[in-house]
Amino acid sequence: MRFLLIKKDLTYISELVDIIKSLISKKVNIEEKNSYIVIYHDYENILDINKTISSFQDNLMINILAYNSCLLNDDTIDKEMNFAIDNLCDKRNGIYDLKMLLLDNNKINKKEVLDMILLSSGIDEEFIKGFVEVNLNASKASSLMHYHRNTLNYKLDKLKEKTSFDLKEFKDAYILYSLIEKK
């Protein structure tokens, strides 16, 4: 389950929610939390949702503050939502996700965020450190960590699927590694 937070004070909020519901075209649950509309969904491609929100924002020339969840785990959904609400309070507008908030804010509790990511993915810190410390080289990492290459790729794919963090991408690897080193 994923969620999308949209700041409630938006003029065309009901229209935007209707457009997103039609995009997702699956069962969605909508509720209000603090000053946000929360849309719970199982839609996998969060980039589609972000593009829809951006298009809506550009066409109507309005400012939208939104957060699209990254983690795909029912055990961490409330933690990620509270984290997002706490860290969006000083933002003006834009479409944020966990990666953007981590890069944008040094005051974040790194251990809490790392625990959410690890719990969602089932990957441990040593796996991330081992992969990054061999410069994202899958062959070297599989040899060093004593994994079959297919097992290593499976774990990398699982991390990307469950958290949208792609450890093969430098930016994502940097974020995860810095969370481990600075916790």
N, C-alpha and C. Protein backbone atom coordinates (compact mmCIF):
# COMPACT_ATOMS: atom_id res chain seq x y z
N MET A 1 0.84 -1.18 0.00
CA MET A 1 0.00 0.00 0.00
C MET A 1 0.89 1.24 0.00
N ARG A 2 0.57 2.17 -0.85
CA ARG A 2 1.24 3.47 -0.91
C ARG A 2 0.23 4.55 -0.54
N PHE A 3 0.73 5.76 -0.35
CA PHE A 3 -0.17 6.87 -0.08
C PHE A 3 0.34 8.11 -0.77
N LEU A 4 -0.58 9.03 -0.98
CA LEU A 4 -0.29 10.33 -1.55
C LEU A 4 -0.90 11.36 -0.62
N LEU A 5 -0.09 12.31 -0.17
CA LEU A 5 -0.58 13.42 0.65
C LEU A 5 -0.71 14.64 -0.23
N ILE A 6 -1.84 15.35 -0.10
CA ILE A 6 -2.03 16.61 -0.82
C ILE A 6 -2.53 17.64 0.19
N LYS A 7 -1.88 18.78 0.21
CA LYS A 7 -2.28 19.85 1.14
C LYS A 7 -3.72 20.25 0.86
N LYS A 8 -4.55 20.32 1.91
CA LYS A 8 -5.98 20.54 1.77
C LYS A 8 -6.36 21.93 1.32
N ASP A 9 -5.56 22.92 1.53
CA ASP A 9 -5.97 24.29 1.24
C ASP A 9 -5.95 24.62 -0.25
N LEU A 10 -5.82 23.64 -1.08
CA LEU A 10 -5.79 23.80 -2.53
C LEU A 10 -7.19 24.11 -3.06
N THR A 11 -7.30 25.06 -3.97
CA THR A 11 -8.59 25.49 -4.52
C THR A 11 -9.32 24.36 -5.25
N TYR A 12 -8.59 23.61 -6.06
CA TYR A 12 -9.21 22.59 -6.90
C TYR A 12 -8.93 21.18 -6.37
N ILE A 13 -8.95 21.01 -5.06
CA ILE A 13 -8.57 19.73 -4.47
C ILE A 13 -9.49 18.59 -4.91
N SER A 14 -10.79 18.82 -4.96
CA SER A 14 -11.69 17.73 -5.32
C SER A 14 -11.49 17.30 -6.77
N GLU A 15 -11.21 18.24 -7.65
CA GLU A 15 -10.95 17.91 -9.05
C GLU A 15 -9.66 17.10 -9.18
N LEU A 16 -8.63 17.52 -8.46
CA LEU A 16 -7.36 16.80 -8.50
C LEU A 16 -7.52 15.37 -7.97
N VAL A 17 -8.23 15.22 -6.88
CA VAL A 17 -8.47 13.89 -6.32
C VAL A 17 -9.23 13.02 -7.32
N ASP A 18 -10.22 13.58 -7.99
CA ASP A 18 -10.96 12.82 -9.00
C ASP A 18 -10.07 12.37 -10.15
N ILE A 19 -9.18 13.25 -10.60
CA ILE A 19 -8.26 12.90 -11.69
C ILE A 19 -7.31 11.79 -11.24
N ILE A 20 -6.79 11.89 -10.04
CA ILE A 20 -5.88 10.86 -9.54
C ILE A 20 -6.61 9.53 -9.37
N LYS A 21 -7.84 9.58 -8.86
CA LYS A 21 -8.62 8.35 -8.74
C LYS A 21 -8.85 7.70 -10.09
N SER A 22 -9.12 8.49 -11.12
CA SER A 22 -9.33 7.92 -12.45
C SER A 22 -8.03 7.36 -13.03
N LEU A 23 -6.90 7.98 -12.71
CA LEU A 23 -5.60 7.47 -13.16
C LEU A 23 -5.31 6.12 -12.52
N ILE A 24 -5.51 6.05 -11.24
CA ILE A 24 -5.20 4.83 -10.50
C ILE A 24 -6.16 3.71 -10.88
N SER A 25 -7.40 4.05 -11.10
CA SER A 25 -8.47 3.15 -11.55
C SER A 25 -8.58 1.86 -10.75
N LYS A 26 -8.10 1.87 -9.56
CA LYS A 26 -8.28 0.76 -8.64
C LYS A 26 -8.93 1.33 -7.40
N LYS A 27 -9.27 0.46 -6.50
CA LYS A 27 -9.89 0.93 -5.27
C LYS A 27 -8.90 1.80 -4.49
N VAL A 28 -9.35 2.96 -4.11
CA VAL A 28 -8.55 3.86 -3.29
C VAL A 28 -9.35 4.23 -2.04
N ASN A 29 -8.64 4.48 -0.99
CA ASN A 29 -9.25 4.98 0.24
C ASN A 29 -8.76 6.40 0.43
N ILE A 30 -9.69 7.28 0.78
CA ILE A 30 -9.34 8.68 0.97
C ILE A 30 -9.78 9.09 2.38
N GLU A 31 -8.88 9.79 3.07
CA GLU A 31 -9.22 10.31 4.39
C GLU A 31 -8.49 11.63 4.59
N GLU A 32 -8.86 12.33 5.62
CA GLU A 32 -8.20 13.58 5.97
C GLU A 32 -7.33 13.34 7.18
N LYS A 33 -6.11 13.88 7.14
CA LYS A 33 -5.21 13.77 8.28
C LYS A 33 -4.48 15.09 8.41
N ASN A 34 -4.61 15.69 9.58
CA ASN A 34 -4.06 17.03 9.81
C ASN A 34 -4.58 17.96 8.72
N SER A 35 -3.73 18.61 8.01
CA SER A 35 -4.18 19.53 6.96
C SER A 35 -3.96 18.93 5.57
N TYR A 36 -4.00 17.61 5.48
CA TYR A 36 -3.76 16.91 4.22
C TYR A 36 -4.91 15.97 3.86
N ILE A 37 -5.09 15.78 2.57
CA ILE A 37 -5.92 14.70 2.05
C ILE A 37 -4.97 13.54 1.82
N VAL A 38 -5.33 12.35 2.30
CA VAL A 38 -4.50 11.17 2.13
C VAL A 38 -5.23 10.22 1.19
N ILE A 39 -4.55 9.84 0.11
CA ILE A 39 -5.10 8.88 -0.83
C ILE A 39 -4.26 7.61 -0.73
N TYR A 40 -4.85 6.54 -0.22
CA TYR A 40 -4.16 5.25 -0.13
C TYR A 40 -4.43 4.49 -1.43
N HIS A 41 -3.36 3.90 -1.99
CA HIS A 41 -3.53 3.21 -3.27
C HIS A 41 -2.49 2.10 -3.42
N ASP A 42 -2.70 1.27 -4.43
CA ASP A 42 -1.75 0.21 -4.76
C ASP A 42 -1.12 0.43 -6.13
N TYR A 43 -1.23 1.63 -6.66
CA TYR A 43 -0.71 1.93 -7.98
C TYR A 43 0.81 1.93 -7.92
N GLU A 44 1.45 1.23 -8.84
CA GLU A 44 2.90 1.03 -8.75
C GLU A 44 3.72 2.19 -9.30
N ASN A 45 3.26 2.82 -10.36
CA ASN A 45 4.10 3.83 -11.01
C ASN A 45 3.84 5.22 -10.42
N ILE A 46 4.65 5.58 -9.44
CA ILE A 46 4.46 6.88 -8.79
C ILE A 46 4.83 8.03 -9.72
N LEU A 47 5.63 7.75 -10.74
CA LEU A 47 5.97 8.81 -11.70
C LEU A 47 4.73 9.28 -12.47
N ASP A 48 3.80 8.36 -12.77
CA ASP A 48 2.55 8.74 -13.43
C ASP A 48 1.76 9.72 -12.56
N ILE A 49 1.70 9.43 -11.28
CA ILE A 49 0.97 10.30 -10.36
C ILE A 49 1.65 11.67 -10.28
N ASN A 50 2.98 11.67 -10.19
CA ASN A 50 3.71 12.94 -10.13
C ASN A 50 3.51 13.77 -11.40
N LYS A 51 3.53 13.11 -12.55
CA LYS A 51 3.31 13.83 -13.82
C LYS A 51 1.89 14.39 -13.88
N THR A 52 0.92 13.64 -13.38
CA THR A 52 -0.47 14.11 -13.37
C THR A 52 -0.60 15.34 -12.49
N ILE A 53 -0.01 15.30 -11.32
CA ILE A 53 -0.07 16.45 -10.41
C ILE A 53 0.64 17.65 -11.02
N SER A 54 1.81 17.44 -11.62
CA SER A 54 2.55 18.54 -12.26
C SER A 54 1.76 19.15 -13.40
N SER A 55 1.14 18.32 -14.20
CA SER A 55 0.34 18.80 -15.32
C SER A 55 -0.84 19.63 -14.81
N PHE A 56 -1.51 19.14 -13.80
CA PHE A 56 -2.64 19.84 -13.19
C PHE A 56 -2.17 21.20 -12.66
N GLN A 57 -1.03 21.19 -12.00
CA GLN A 57 -0.46 22.42 -11.43
C GLN A 57 -0.11 23.42 -12.54
N ASP A 58 0.52 22.93 -13.59
CA ASP A 58 0.94 23.81 -14.69
C ASP A 58 -0.26 24.37 -15.46
N ASN A 59 -1.24 23.53 -15.73
CA ASN A 59 -2.39 23.96 -16.53
C ASN A 59 -3.26 24.98 -15.80
N LEU A 60 -3.39 24.82 -14.50
CA LEU A 60 -4.22 25.75 -13.73
C LEU A 60 -3.40 26.86 -13.08
N MET A 61 -2.09 26.79 -13.23
CA MET A 61 -1.18 27.77 -12.64
C MET A 61 -1.45 27.96 -11.14
N ILE A 62 -1.45 26.83 -10.44
CA ILE A 62 -1.65 26.86 -9.00
C ILE A 62 -0.49 26.13 -8.34
N ASN A 63 -0.30 26.38 -7.06
CA ASN A 63 0.74 25.72 -6.29
C ASN A 63 0.15 24.52 -5.55
N ILE A 64 0.83 23.41 -5.66
CA ILE A 64 0.38 22.18 -5.00
C ILE A 64 1.53 21.68 -4.13
N LEU A 65 1.21 21.33 -2.90
CA LEU A 65 2.16 20.68 -2.02
C LEU A 65 1.70 19.25 -1.86
N ALA A 66 2.54 18.30 -2.29
CA ALA A 66 2.15 16.89 -2.24
C ALA A 66 3.36 16.04 -1.84
N TYR A 67 3.07 14.87 -1.33
CA TYR A 67 4.10 13.89 -0.98
C TYR A 67 3.63 12.54 -1.48
N ASN A 68 4.47 11.88 -2.25
CA ASN A 68 4.16 10.56 -2.78
C ASN A 68 5.05 9.55 -2.07
N SER A 69 4.44 8.56 -1.42
CA SER A 69 5.22 7.62 -0.61
C SER A 69 6.11 6.74 -1.46
N CYS A 70 7.22 6.33 -0.88
CA CYS A 70 8.18 5.46 -1.55
C CYS A 70 8.10 4.03 -1.04
N LEU A 71 7.82 3.87 0.22
CA LEU A 71 7.92 2.57 0.85
C LEU A 71 6.65 1.76 0.63
N LEU A 72 6.84 0.50 0.33
CA LEU A 72 5.71 -0.38 0.03
C LEU A 72 5.62 -1.44 1.11
N ASN A 73 5.16 -1.04 2.30
CA ASN A 73 5.08 -1.96 3.41
C ASN A 73 4.04 -1.43 4.39
N ASP A 74 3.06 -2.24 4.70
CA ASP A 74 2.00 -1.81 5.61
C ASP A 74 2.51 -1.52 7.02
N ASP A 75 3.65 -2.12 7.39
CA ASP A 75 4.21 -1.89 8.72
C ASP A 75 4.83 -0.51 8.87
N THR A 76 5.22 0.11 7.76
CA THR A 76 5.90 1.40 7.84
C THR A 76 5.06 2.56 7.33
N ILE A 77 3.84 2.31 6.88
CA ILE A 77 3.05 3.36 6.24
C ILE A 77 2.76 4.52 7.20
N ASP A 78 2.42 4.22 8.44
CA ASP A 78 2.13 5.29 9.40
C ASP A 78 3.39 6.08 9.76
N LYS A 79 4.52 5.38 9.88
CA LYS A 79 5.78 6.06 10.19
C LYS A 79 6.17 6.99 9.05
N GLU A 80 6.06 6.49 7.81
CA GLU A 80 6.43 7.34 6.68
C GLU A 80 5.48 8.54 6.57
N MET A 81 4.19 8.31 6.82
CA MET A 81 3.24 9.42 6.73
C MET A 81 3.54 10.49 7.77
N ASN A 82 3.78 10.08 9.00
CA ASN A 82 4.12 11.05 10.05
C ASN A 82 5.42 11.76 9.74
N PHE A 83 6.39 11.02 9.21
CA PHE A 83 7.66 11.62 8.79
C PHE A 83 7.40 12.68 7.71
N ALA A 84 6.58 12.34 6.73
CA ALA A 84 6.29 13.27 5.63
C ALA A 84 5.59 14.52 6.15
N ILE A 85 4.58 14.35 6.97
CA ILE A 85 3.83 15.49 7.50
C ILE A 85 4.75 16.40 8.31
N ASP A 86 5.60 15.80 9.14
CA ASP A 86 6.53 16.60 9.95
C ASP A 86 7.51 17.39 9.10
N ASN A 87 7.93 16.81 7.99
CA ASN A 87 8.97 17.44 7.18
C ASN A 87 8.44 18.27 6.02
N LEU A 88 7.14 18.21 5.76
CA LEU A 88 6.55 19.05 4.73
C LEU A 88 6.10 20.41 5.26
N CYS A 89 6.04 20.53 6.58
CA CYS A 89 5.46 21.72 7.17
C CYS A 89 6.17 23.02 6.75
N ASP A 90 7.45 22.93 6.41
CA ASP A 90 8.17 24.15 6.02
C ASP A 90 8.34 24.28 4.51
N LYS A 91 7.66 23.43 3.75
CA LYS A 91 7.77 23.47 2.28
C LYS A 91 6.66 24.32 1.69
N ARG A 92 6.97 25.00 0.60
CA ARG A 92 5.97 25.87 -0.04
C ARG A 92 5.10 25.11 -1.02
N ASN A 93 5.70 24.55 -2.04
CA ASN A 93 4.94 23.78 -3.00
C ASN A 93 5.88 22.80 -3.68
N GLY A 94 5.32 21.86 -4.39
CA GLY A 94 6.11 20.85 -5.08
C GLY A 94 5.61 19.47 -4.74
N ILE A 95 6.19 18.51 -5.44
CA ILE A 95 5.83 17.12 -5.22
C ILE A 95 7.07 16.45 -4.64
N TYR A 96 6.96 16.02 -3.41
CA TYR A 96 8.09 15.47 -2.69
C TYR A 96 7.94 13.96 -2.53
N ASP A 97 9.08 13.34 -2.27
CA ASP A 97 9.09 11.94 -1.85
C ASP A 97 10.18 11.80 -0.80
N LEU A 98 10.37 10.61 -0.31
CA LEU A 98 11.33 10.39 0.77
C LEU A 98 12.74 10.81 0.37
N LYS A 99 13.13 10.50 -0.85
CA LYS A 99 14.48 10.85 -1.31
C LYS A 99 14.69 12.36 -1.28
N MET A 100 13.72 13.10 -1.78
CA MET A 100 13.85 14.55 -1.83
C MET A 100 13.93 15.15 -0.43
N LEU A 101 13.12 14.64 0.48
CA LEU A 101 13.16 15.17 1.84
C LEU A 101 14.49 14.84 2.52
N LEU A 102 15.04 13.67 2.23
CA LEU A 102 16.32 13.30 2.83
C LEU A 102 17.45 14.18 2.30
N LEU A 103 17.43 14.48 1.02
CA LEU A 103 18.47 15.33 0.44
C LEU A 103 18.33 16.79 0.86
N ASP A 104 17.11 17.17 1.23
CA ASP A 104 16.81 18.56 1.51
C ASP A 104 16.93 18.96 2.98
N ASN A 105 17.03 17.99 3.88
CA ASN A 105 16.91 18.30 5.29
C ASN A 105 17.97 17.55 6.10
N ASN A 106 18.83 18.27 6.79
CA ASN A 106 19.86 17.64 7.61
C ASN A 106 19.39 17.32 9.03
N LYS A 107 18.21 17.79 9.40
CA LYS A 107 17.73 17.61 10.76
C LYS A 107 16.93 16.32 10.93
N ILE A 108 16.87 15.51 9.90
CA ILE A 108 16.06 14.30 9.91
C ILE A 108 16.73 13.23 10.77
N ASN A 109 15.91 12.47 11.49
CA ASN A 109 16.39 11.35 12.27
C ASN A 109 16.78 10.22 11.31
N LYS A 110 18.06 10.12 11.02
CA LYS A 110 18.57 9.17 10.01
C LYS A 110 18.26 7.72 10.39
N LYS A 111 18.39 7.40 11.67
CA LYS A 111 18.16 6.01 12.10
C LYS A 111 16.71 5.62 11.86
N GLU A 112 15.79 6.52 12.17
CA GLU A 112 14.36 6.23 11.98
C GLU A 112 14.05 5.96 10.50
N VAL A 113 14.58 6.79 9.63
CA VAL A 113 14.34 6.63 8.20
C VAL A 113 14.99 5.36 7.69
N LEU A 114 16.23 5.11 8.10
CA LEU A 114 16.92 3.89 7.68
C LEU A 114 16.16 2.65 8.13
N ASP A 115 15.67 2.66 9.35
CA ASP A 115 14.89 1.52 9.86
C ASP A 115 13.64 1.29 9.02
N MET A 116 12.97 2.37 8.61
CA MET A 116 11.78 2.23 7.75
C MET A 116 12.15 1.58 6.42
N ILE A 117 13.24 2.03 5.83
CA ILE A 117 13.67 1.51 4.53
C ILE A 117 14.07 0.04 4.65
N LEU A 118 14.85 -0.29 5.66
CA LEU A 118 15.29 -1.67 5.84
C LEU A 118 14.12 -2.59 6.12
N LEU A 119 13.18 -2.14 6.93
CA LEU A 119 12.01 -2.95 7.24
C LEU A 119 11.16 -3.18 5.99
N SER A 120 11.02 -2.18 5.17
CA SER A 120 10.22 -2.30 3.96
C SER A 120 10.85 -3.25 2.95
N SER A 121 12.17 -3.22 2.86
CA SER A 121 12.85 -3.97 1.80
C SER A 121 13.32 -5.35 2.22
N GLY A 122 13.55 -5.56 3.51
CA GLY A 122 14.11 -6.82 3.96
C GLY A 122 15.61 -6.91 3.73
N ILE A 123 16.23 -5.81 3.30
CA ILE A 123 17.67 -5.75 3.06
C ILE A 123 18.33 -5.22 4.34
N ASP A 124 19.55 -5.65 4.60
CA ASP A 124 20.23 -5.16 5.80
C ASP A 124 21.32 -4.15 5.45
N GLU A 125 21.82 -3.49 6.48
CA GLU A 125 22.83 -2.45 6.30
C GLU A 125 24.09 -2.99 5.62
N GLU A 126 24.50 -4.19 6.01
CA GLU A 126 25.73 -4.77 5.47
C GLU A 126 25.63 -4.99 3.97
N PHE A 127 24.45 -5.33 3.49
CA PHE A 127 24.26 -5.51 2.05
C PHE A 127 24.47 -4.18 1.33
N ILE A 128 23.86 -3.13 1.85
CA ILE A 128 24.00 -1.80 1.23
C ILE A 128 25.45 -1.35 1.28
N LYS A 129 26.07 -1.44 2.45
CA LYS A 129 27.47 -1.02 2.58
C LYS A 129 28.37 -1.82 1.64
N GLY A 130 28.19 -3.12 1.60
CA GLY A 130 29.02 -3.96 0.76
C GLY A 130 28.91 -3.61 -0.71
N PHE A 131 27.69 -3.33 -1.16
CA PHE A 131 27.48 -3.00 -2.56
C PHE A 131 28.08 -1.64 -2.90
N VAL A 132 27.89 -0.67 -2.03
CA VAL A 132 28.40 0.68 -2.29
C VAL A 132 29.93 0.71 -2.21
N GLU A 133 30.49 -0.02 -1.28
CA GLU A 133 31.94 0.03 -1.08
C GLU A 133 32.74 -0.60 -2.21
N VAL A 134 32.07 -1.35 -3.10
CA VAL A 134 32.74 -1.86 -4.31
C VAL A 134 32.30 -1.05 -5.53
N ASN A 135 31.90 0.21 -5.28
CA ASN A 135 31.53 1.15 -6.34
C ASN A 135 30.38 0.65 -7.22
N LEU A 136 29.39 0.05 -6.58
CA LEU A 136 28.17 -0.41 -7.25
C LEU A 136 28.46 -1.46 -8.32
N ASN A 137 29.52 -2.21 -8.14
CA ASN A 137 29.90 -3.26 -9.08
C ASN A 137 29.28 -4.58 -8.60
N ALA A 138 28.29 -5.07 -9.34
CA ALA A 138 27.55 -6.27 -8.92
C ALA A 138 28.44 -7.50 -8.87
N SER A 139 29.36 -7.65 -9.80
CA SER A 139 30.25 -8.83 -9.80
C SER A 139 31.13 -8.86 -8.56
N LYS A 140 31.74 -7.71 -8.26
CA LYS A 140 32.60 -7.64 -7.08
C LYS A 140 31.78 -7.83 -5.81
N ALA A 141 30.60 -7.23 -5.77
CA ALA A 141 29.76 -7.32 -4.57
C ALA A 141 29.31 -8.76 -4.34
N SER A 142 28.89 -9.45 -5.38
CA SER A 142 28.44 -10.83 -5.20
C SER A 142 29.58 -11.71 -4.71
N SER A 143 30.79 -11.48 -5.20
CA SER A 143 31.95 -12.24 -4.76
C SER A 143 32.31 -11.91 -3.31
N LEU A 144 32.34 -10.62 -3.00
CA LEU A 144 32.71 -10.17 -1.66
C LEU A 144 31.70 -10.64 -0.60
N MET A 145 30.42 -10.57 -0.93
CA MET A 145 29.37 -10.91 0.04
C MET A 145 28.95 -12.37 -0.03
N HIS A 146 29.57 -13.13 -0.90
CA HIS A 146 29.29 -14.56 -1.05
C HIS A 146 27.84 -14.84 -1.44
N TYR A 147 27.33 -14.03 -2.35
CA TYR A 147 26.01 -14.23 -2.94
C TYR A 147 26.19 -14.69 -4.38
N HIS A 148 25.29 -15.53 -4.83
CA HIS A 148 25.24 -15.81 -6.26
C HIS A 148 24.81 -14.51 -6.94
N ARG A 149 25.29 -14.28 -8.14
CA ARG A 149 24.97 -13.02 -8.85
C ARG A 149 23.46 -12.83 -8.99
N ASN A 150 22.72 -13.90 -9.25
CA ASN A 150 21.26 -13.80 -9.37
C ASN A 150 20.60 -13.41 -8.04
N THR A 151 21.15 -13.93 -6.95
CA THR A 151 20.62 -13.58 -5.62
C THR A 151 20.85 -12.10 -5.34
N LEU A 152 22.04 -11.62 -5.67
CA LEU A 152 22.35 -10.21 -5.48
C LEU A 152 21.39 -9.34 -6.31
N ASN A 153 21.19 -9.70 -7.57
CA ASN A 153 20.27 -8.95 -8.42
C ASN A 153 18.84 -9.01 -7.90
N TYR A 154 18.44 -10.16 -7.37
CA TYR A 154 17.11 -10.29 -6.77
C TYR A 154 16.95 -9.32 -5.60
N LYS A 155 17.97 -9.24 -4.75
CA LYS A 155 17.90 -8.33 -3.59
C LYS A 155 17.87 -6.87 -4.05
N LEU A 156 18.65 -6.54 -5.07
CA LEU A 156 18.63 -5.18 -5.60
C LEU A 156 17.26 -4.84 -6.18
N ASP A 157 16.68 -5.78 -6.91
CA ASP A 157 15.34 -5.57 -7.49
C ASP A 157 14.29 -5.44 -6.41
N LYS A 158 14.40 -6.26 -5.37
CA LYS A 158 13.45 -6.20 -4.26
C LYS A 158 13.51 -4.85 -3.54
N LEU A 159 14.74 -4.35 -3.34
CA LEU A 159 14.92 -3.03 -2.71
C LEU A 159 14.24 -1.95 -3.56
N LYS A 160 14.45 -2.00 -4.86
CA LYS A 160 13.85 -1.00 -5.76
C LYS A 160 12.33 -1.11 -5.78
N GLU A 161 11.82 -2.32 -5.82
CA GLU A 161 10.36 -2.53 -5.87
C GLU A 161 9.68 -2.07 -4.59
N LYS A 162 10.28 -2.38 -3.46
CA LYS A 162 9.63 -2.10 -2.17
C LYS A 162 9.85 -0.68 -1.66
N THR A 163 10.92 -0.01 -2.13
CA THR A 163 11.24 1.31 -1.57
C THR A 163 11.47 2.38 -2.63
N SER A 164 11.56 2.00 -3.87
CA SER A 164 11.90 2.86 -5.01
C SER A 164 13.34 3.39 -4.94
N PHE A 165 14.14 2.85 -4.04
CA PHE A 165 15.56 3.15 -4.01
C PHE A 165 16.28 2.14 -4.90
N ASP A 166 16.96 2.64 -5.94
CA ASP A 166 17.70 1.78 -6.86
C ASP A 166 19.17 1.89 -6.50
N LEU A 167 19.68 0.87 -5.86
CA LEU A 167 21.06 0.90 -5.37
C LEU A 167 22.08 0.94 -6.51
N LYS A 168 21.64 0.68 -7.73
CA LYS A 168 22.54 0.76 -8.89
C LYS A 168 22.69 2.21 -9.37
N GLU A 169 21.83 3.10 -8.88
CA GLU A 169 21.89 4.51 -9.22
C GLU A 169 22.70 5.25 -8.15
N PHE A 170 23.64 6.08 -8.59
CA PHE A 170 24.55 6.74 -7.66
C PHE A 170 23.81 7.54 -6.58
N LYS A 171 22.83 8.34 -7.00
CA LYS A 171 22.12 9.20 -6.03
C LYS A 171 21.46 8.36 -4.94
N ASP A 172 20.79 7.30 -5.33
CA ASP A 172 20.12 6.45 -4.35
C ASP A 172 21.13 5.75 -3.45
N ALA A 173 22.22 5.27 -4.05
CA ALA A 173 23.26 4.62 -3.27
C ALA A 173 23.87 5.60 -2.26
N TYR A 174 24.09 6.83 -2.71
CA TYR A 174 24.62 7.86 -1.82
C TYR A 174 23.68 8.11 -0.64
N ILE A 175 22.40 8.24 -0.93
CA ILE A 175 21.43 8.50 0.14
C ILE A 175 21.45 7.38 1.16
N LEU A 176 21.35 6.15 0.69
CA LEU A 176 21.30 5.01 1.62
C LEU A 176 22.61 4.86 2.40
N TYR A 177 23.72 5.01 1.71
CA TYR A 177 25.01 4.89 2.38
C TYR A 177 25.19 5.98 3.43
N SER A 178 24.78 7.20 3.11
CA SER A 178 24.92 8.29 4.07
C SER A 178 23.99 8.09 5.27
N LEU A 179 22.85 7.49 5.06
CA LEU A 179 21.96 7.17 6.19
C LEU A 179 22.64 6.20 7.16
N ILE A 180 23.34 5.23 6.59
CA ILE A 180 24.04 4.23 7.42
C ILE A 180 25.20 4.88 8.16
N GLU A 181 25.97 5.68 7.46
CA GLU A 181 27.17 6.28 8.04
C GLU A 181 26.86 7.37 9.06
N LYS A 182 25.73 8.05 8.93
CA LYS A 182 25.43 9.20 9.78
C LYS A 182 24.37 8.92 10.84
N LYS A 183 23.96 7.69 10.98
CA LYS A 183 22.86 7.42 11.93
C LYS A 183 23.26 7.55 13.37
